Structures are given as structure tokens and as C-alpha cells.
Protein backbone atom coordinates (compact mmCIF):
# COMPACT_ATOMS: atom_id res chain seq x y z
CA MET A 1 -0.10 -0.16 -0.08
CA ASN A 2 1.33 3.24 -1.17
CA GLY A 3 1.70 6.43 0.60
CA ARG A 4 -1.28 8.18 -0.96
CA TRP A 5 -3.41 4.93 -0.17
CA ARG A 6 -2.24 5.37 3.88
CA TRP A 7 -3.01 8.91 3.97
CA ILE A 8 -6.69 8.47 2.37
CA ILE A 9 -7.28 5.69 4.64
CA ALA A 10 -6.40 7.66 7.81
CA ALA A 11 -8.14 10.64 6.32
CA THR A 12 -11.24 8.97 5.87
CA LEU A 13 -10.70 7.42 9.86
CA PHE A 14 -10.59 10.60 11.23
CA ALA A 15 -13.59 12.12 9.23
CA LEU A 16 -15.56 9.08 10.65
CA VAL A 17 -14.50 9.92 14.40
CA LEU A 18 -15.10 12.96 14.16
CA MET A 19 -18.72 12.98 12.64
CA ILE A 20 -19.31 10.33 15.54
CA ALA A 21 -17.58 12.31 18.20
CA THR A 22 -19.70 15.53 16.70
CA PHE A 23 -22.72 13.90 16.41
CA PRO A 24 -25.89 15.55 18.16
CA MET A 25 -27.41 13.57 21.56
CA ARG A 26 -31.01 14.85 20.45
CA LEU A 27 -30.60 13.32 17.08
CA ALA A 28 -29.22 9.90 17.93
CA LEU A 29 -31.77 9.66 20.82
CA SER A 30 -34.32 10.11 18.22
CA LEU A 31 -32.90 7.63 15.89
CA ALA A 32 -32.52 5.37 18.87
CA GLY A 33 -35.90 5.23 19.77
CA ALA A 34 -35.33 7.35 22.75
CA ASP A 35 -38.92 8.00 22.87
CA GLU A 36 -40.65 4.79 22.37
CA ALA A 37 -38.35 3.89 25.37
CA GLY A 38 -39.86 6.79 28.10
CA ILE A 39 -37.12 9.04 27.65
CA ALA A 40 -37.72 12.57 26.91
CA ALA A 41 -36.44 15.97 27.87
CA ARG A 42 -37.52 19.81 27.79
CA GLU A 43 -34.01 20.54 25.73
CA ILE A 44 -31.09 17.99 24.45
CA ARG A 45 -27.63 20.04 24.20
CA GLY A 46 -24.08 18.52 23.37
CA SER A 47 -23.10 15.47 21.51
CA VAL A 48 -23.15 11.54 22.15
CA TRP A 49 -19.89 11.71 24.05
CA SER A 50 -20.79 14.45 26.36
CA GLY A 51 -24.73 15.79 26.26
CA THR A 52 -26.89 17.36 28.48
CA LEU A 53 -30.99 16.29 29.08
CA ILE A 54 -32.89 19.42 30.69
CA ASP A 55 -35.64 18.54 32.50
CA ALA A 56 -35.30 14.84 31.99
CA ARG A 57 -38.21 12.05 32.73
CA LEU A 58 -38.33 8.63 32.49
CA GLY A 59 -41.95 7.83 31.75
CA ALA A 60 -43.41 9.34 35.49
CA LEU A 61 -39.99 9.60 36.89
CA PRO A 62 -38.57 13.47 36.57
CA LEU A 63 -34.71 13.00 36.79
CA GLY A 64 -34.08 16.53 36.51
CA THR A 65 -30.96 18.04 34.63
CA VAL A 66 -28.79 15.42 33.87
CA GLU A 67 -25.23 14.58 32.00
CA ALA A 68 -25.14 11.81 29.87
CA SER A 69 -23.56 9.91 26.64
CA LEU A 70 -24.75 7.30 24.93
CA SER A 71 -22.59 4.24 24.38
CA PRO A 72 -21.18 4.74 20.40
CA LEU A 73 -21.12 0.68 19.95
CA ALA A 74 -24.27 0.24 21.37
CA LEU A 75 -25.63 2.56 18.66
CA LEU A 76 -23.30 1.00 15.42
CA GLY A 77 -25.62 -2.20 16.76
CA GLY A 78 -29.10 -0.09 16.51
CA ASP A 79 -29.44 -0.48 20.11
CA THR A 80 -29.63 2.47 22.92
CA GLU A 81 -27.59 2.68 26.03
CA LEU A 82 -27.92 6.18 27.62
CA ARG A 83 -25.50 6.35 30.93
CA PHE A 84 -26.44 9.59 32.94
CA ALA A 85 -25.87 11.10 36.48
CA ARG A 86 -27.16 13.81 38.15
CA THR A 87 -24.75 15.55 41.00
CA ASP A 88 -27.90 18.35 42.18
CA GLU A 89 -27.15 19.16 45.83
CA ARG A 90 -31.00 20.05 46.09
CA LEU A 91 -32.35 17.21 44.10
CA GLY A 92 -29.83 14.75 45.61
CA ALA A 93 -27.10 12.11 43.39
CA LEU A 94 -28.80 10.11 41.04
CA SER A 95 -26.98 8.19 38.23
CA GLY A 96 -27.18 4.78 36.25
CA ARG A 97 -27.99 3.25 32.53
CA LEU A 98 -31.32 3.89 30.31
CA HIS A 99 -31.68 0.67 28.04
CA GLY A 100 -33.67 1.45 24.87
CA SER A 101 -33.69 -2.17 23.03
CA ASP A 102 -34.47 -5.49 23.87
CA PRO A 103 -34.44 -6.12 26.89
CA ARG A 104 -35.58 -2.33 27.32
CA GLY A 105 -35.19 -0.82 30.93
CA LEU A 106 -32.75 0.36 33.41
CA SER A 107 -29.70 -0.54 35.32
CA ASP A 108 -27.28 0.21 37.89
CA VAL A 109 -29.46 2.99 39.06
CA ASP A 110 -28.41 4.47 42.38
CA GLY A 111 -30.06 7.53 43.78
CA VAL A 112 -33.12 9.55 44.60
CA THR A 113 -35.98 10.51 42.35
CA SER A 114 -39.46 12.04 42.43
CA LEU A 115 -42.75 10.40 41.64
CA SER A 116 -44.87 12.82 39.37
CA GLY A 117 -48.75 12.29 40.42
CA GLY A 118 -48.35 12.36 43.87
CA GLY A 119 -48.07 8.94 44.99
CA LEU A 120 -49.55 5.68 44.77
CA GLY A 121 -53.45 5.92 45.25
CA ILE A 122 -53.82 6.91 48.54
CA VAL A 123 -50.36 6.20 49.31
CA PRO A 124 -48.51 9.61 49.10
CA ILE A 125 -45.35 8.93 47.83
CA ASP A 126 -42.80 11.94 48.38
CA THR A 127 -39.30 10.21 46.86
CA ILE A 128 -38.03 7.18 46.17
CA ARG A 129 -34.71 5.96 46.55
CA PHE A 130 -32.85 3.27 44.01
CA GLU A 131 -29.89 0.91 45.25
CA GLY A 132 -28.55 -0.69 42.81
CA VAL A 133 -31.66 -1.15 40.85
CA SER A 134 -32.20 -3.00 37.52
CA LEU A 135 -34.99 -3.64 35.49
CA ARG A 136 -35.46 -4.69 31.89
CA PHE A 137 -38.34 -6.01 29.85
CA ASP A 138 -38.27 -8.27 26.80
CA SER A 139 -39.92 -7.58 23.50
CA ALA A 140 -43.40 -9.15 24.74
CA GLY A 141 -43.52 -6.58 27.89
CA LYS A 142 -42.26 -9.31 30.63
CA CYS A 143 -40.27 -8.69 33.08
CA ALA A 144 -36.95 -10.64 31.93
CA ARG A 145 -34.69 -8.99 35.23
CA ALA A 146 -35.40 -7.10 38.36
CA ALA A 147 -33.08 -6.95 40.96
CA GLY A 148 -31.91 -4.00 43.88
CA ARG A 149 -33.85 -2.31 46.32
CA LEU A 150 -36.10 0.82 46.17
CA GLN A 151 -37.34 2.82 49.23
CA LEU A 152 -40.77 4.61 48.83
CA MET A 153 -40.55 7.83 51.13
CA VAL A 154 -44.18 8.88 52.35
CA ASN A 155 -44.44 12.37 53.02
CA ALA A 156 -47.88 12.47 54.85
CA PRO A 157 -49.63 10.25 57.34
CA ILE A 158 -52.08 7.67 56.94
CA ALA A 159 -55.02 6.92 59.25
CA GLY A 160 -52.55 8.52 61.78
CA LEU A 161 -49.59 6.09 60.97
CA ASP A 162 -46.31 7.73 60.61
CA LEU A 163 -44.81 6.27 57.54
CA SER A 164 -41.88 8.84 57.57
CA ARG A 165 -39.33 6.36 57.62
CA GLY A 166 -40.72 5.02 54.53
CA LEU A 167 -41.10 1.46 52.88
CA SER A 168 -38.22 -0.79 51.69
CA GLY A 169 -37.43 -3.97 50.09
CA PRO A 170 -36.35 -5.86 47.08
CA LEU A 171 -37.33 -5.56 43.18
CA THR A 172 -37.84 -9.26 41.80
CA CYS A 173 -39.75 -10.77 38.63
CA ALA A 174 -43.03 -12.16 39.62
CA GLN A 175 -45.30 -14.02 36.84
CA GLY A 176 -44.60 -11.82 34.16
CA ARG A 177 -44.37 -8.00 36.18
CA ALA A 178 -41.83 -6.44 38.27
CA GLN A 179 -42.94 -6.44 42.08
CA ALA A 180 -41.41 -4.83 44.50
CA ALA A 181 -42.29 -6.02 48.34
CA LEU A 182 -41.64 -3.41 50.85
CA ALA A 183 -42.22 -2.97 54.46
CA SER A 184 -41.75 -0.41 57.01
CA GLN A 185 -39.29 -0.82 59.75
CA SER A 186 -41.97 -2.29 62.11
CA GLY A 187 -43.14 -4.63 59.70
CA MET A 188 -46.84 -3.62 60.33
CA GLU A 189 -46.87 -2.15 57.06
CA ARG A 190 -46.63 -3.76 54.31
CA LEU A 191 -46.77 -2.74 50.38
CA THR A 192 -46.76 -5.17 47.24
CA LEU A 193 -46.01 -3.11 44.07
CA SER A 194 -46.12 -5.00 40.86
CA PHE A 195 -45.88 -3.21 37.10
CA ASP A 196 -45.72 -4.16 33.43
CA ALA A 197 -43.66 -2.84 30.75
CA HIS A 198 -46.13 -0.04 29.94
CA GLY A 199 -46.49 1.69 33.34
CA ALA A 200 -49.50 -0.32 34.68
CA TRP A 201 -49.25 -0.70 38.12
CA ARG A 202 -50.65 -2.91 41.00
CA GLY A 203 -50.76 -1.76 44.64
CA GLN A 204 -51.66 -4.31 47.71
CA PHE A 205 -51.25 -1.98 50.82
CA ALA A 206 -51.49 -3.96 54.05
CA ILE A 207 -51.57 -2.59 57.64
CA ASN A 208 -51.63 -4.54 60.85
CA VAL A 209 -53.82 -2.92 63.43
CA ASP A 210 -52.84 -4.93 66.04
CA ARG A 211 -56.23 -5.10 67.77
CA ASP A 212 -56.90 -1.42 67.80
CA PRO A 213 -60.41 -0.53 66.75
CA ALA A 214 -60.08 2.97 66.29
CA MET A 215 -57.22 2.38 63.46
CA ALA A 216 -59.52 0.09 62.39
CA ALA A 217 -62.40 1.93 61.69
CA ALA A 218 -60.09 5.14 60.29
CA LEU A 219 -58.42 2.26 57.89
CA THR A 220 -61.79 1.11 56.85
CA VAL A 221 -63.22 5.26 56.24
CA LEU A 222 -60.18 4.85 53.78
CA GLY A 223 -61.42 1.80 51.90
CA PHE A 224 -59.13 -1.05 53.73
CA LYS A 225 -61.14 -4.04 54.41
CA PRO A 226 -60.13 -6.94 56.63
CA GLY A 227 -58.01 -9.98 55.52
CA SER A 228 -55.54 -12.41 56.76
CA ASN A 229 -52.26 -9.84 56.76
CA GLY A 230 -54.38 -7.00 58.31
CA TYR A 231 -56.50 -4.12 56.91
CA VAL A 232 -55.79 -4.55 52.97
CA LEU A 233 -56.55 -1.86 50.22
CA THR A 234 -55.81 -2.82 46.69
CA THR A 235 -55.18 0.02 44.28
CA THR A 236 -54.22 0.25 40.31
CA GLY A 237 -53.21 2.80 38.07
CA ARG A 238 -50.60 4.20 35.52
CA PHE A 239 -47.45 5.79 35.72
């Protein structure tokens, strides 16, 4: 190979690297199907190597303003893998990876975010804390992987109960859905929350009243019914 061809090949490779390095994050997300993965932002700046998503969201989860980068290798294969990180002192740290391809979802998520819509039915969720959370759904919409722990912080009392320390527990796959089995520190309050790939959720909130007639009456007013695990309320909705 003579020097002229070496120069042409080197120049071509340099042009390709430069094009990839400066490719707009906004266009890359659009081509990779970020909308279908539930990724949205008020404004997207920068390149695939170093971008910023202003007021980003993942479905009903507001992520705030995050620094983000797409995996070039994943893009070459037609996949979306978005690494993100937030270091906001007011909102708290948050980091992880979003996957827009099969299986889609998120992985290695640590940190805290709020929940749009004010909570889960009558359970007034203030924030959600992620601890090593991975959650992936396959092309059929079934839970393919679920791991890590969730902690839901409750911002108001329910029938006089103080749940300010939150409900926490592991995340698993169960019958094709993702499921979080959460409990308070005392274990007297338990919330089993399951949801599918489309954001439809089902919650079963059980409270042990410990033979407290006043508490039982207050829960009955809220729609709880007596069951084997105490007083139980089942609610459904969509993120």
C-alpha cells in the first residue's frame, strides 16, 4: 500500500471519528427510539459523547437535569444505552443506565427521585430511592430482569400512621411483572407493588392494626378491608 492510500484511509477514519464525536445527542436519541423507551427532556444539548438533558424524564420519573452519554458501540448495533448522572445538591445524586432496546429498561441505578402524580393511590409517595436497581423488559413486555432495592418515602400520615421512615424492599420478577415487596421498619405496614412494561401498576397495601379498633375504623373509612394480613387496600393505576 503506497503512501497516498494510507493518507486517504487515515483521513477517512479521522472524518468518521470526528463525525461520531460531534453527532448531536438530540438526533441520536431520536434515531435510537428514545421516545418509545420513555425518555424525554425539555431540551437536549451536546454530542453523543457529552450531552446534557434539561428537565429529563423517564416515564413518570422526573430525573432533573442530567449529564448523559450514549454508548457508540451500542448505537452501531442499533441499540440505545444512555449513561446518565446528576449531582444536584438540592435534588440529590442520581446515576445509572437507560436501555431502549430489547430488553429495555434501566440498570445500575443509584440515587433518589420524586414520583409524578402525587403517589400511588392513597399512598402519598414523596421520593423514591434506588439502590443498585436493574429493571429490564423483553420484546413481549415481560419482566426479564429485576434486582436491587427500592425505598419509598411517604410524605404524609395515613389514618394517623407515621410512615416518614418509608417502606423498603427488594425488586424481583414475578409472573411476568416487576414486583417490589416493601415493608416499614416495624413490619406492621407492607406494600406489594407490581407493574408491567407499559407502566400499569397494582398495589396491595396491608396494615396490621394489632387489635386497635380506632385504627381499624379509620382504615375502613379509607376503603381498607379486613384480610389475613390485617386491613388491606388494593389500588391500580398507570405511571
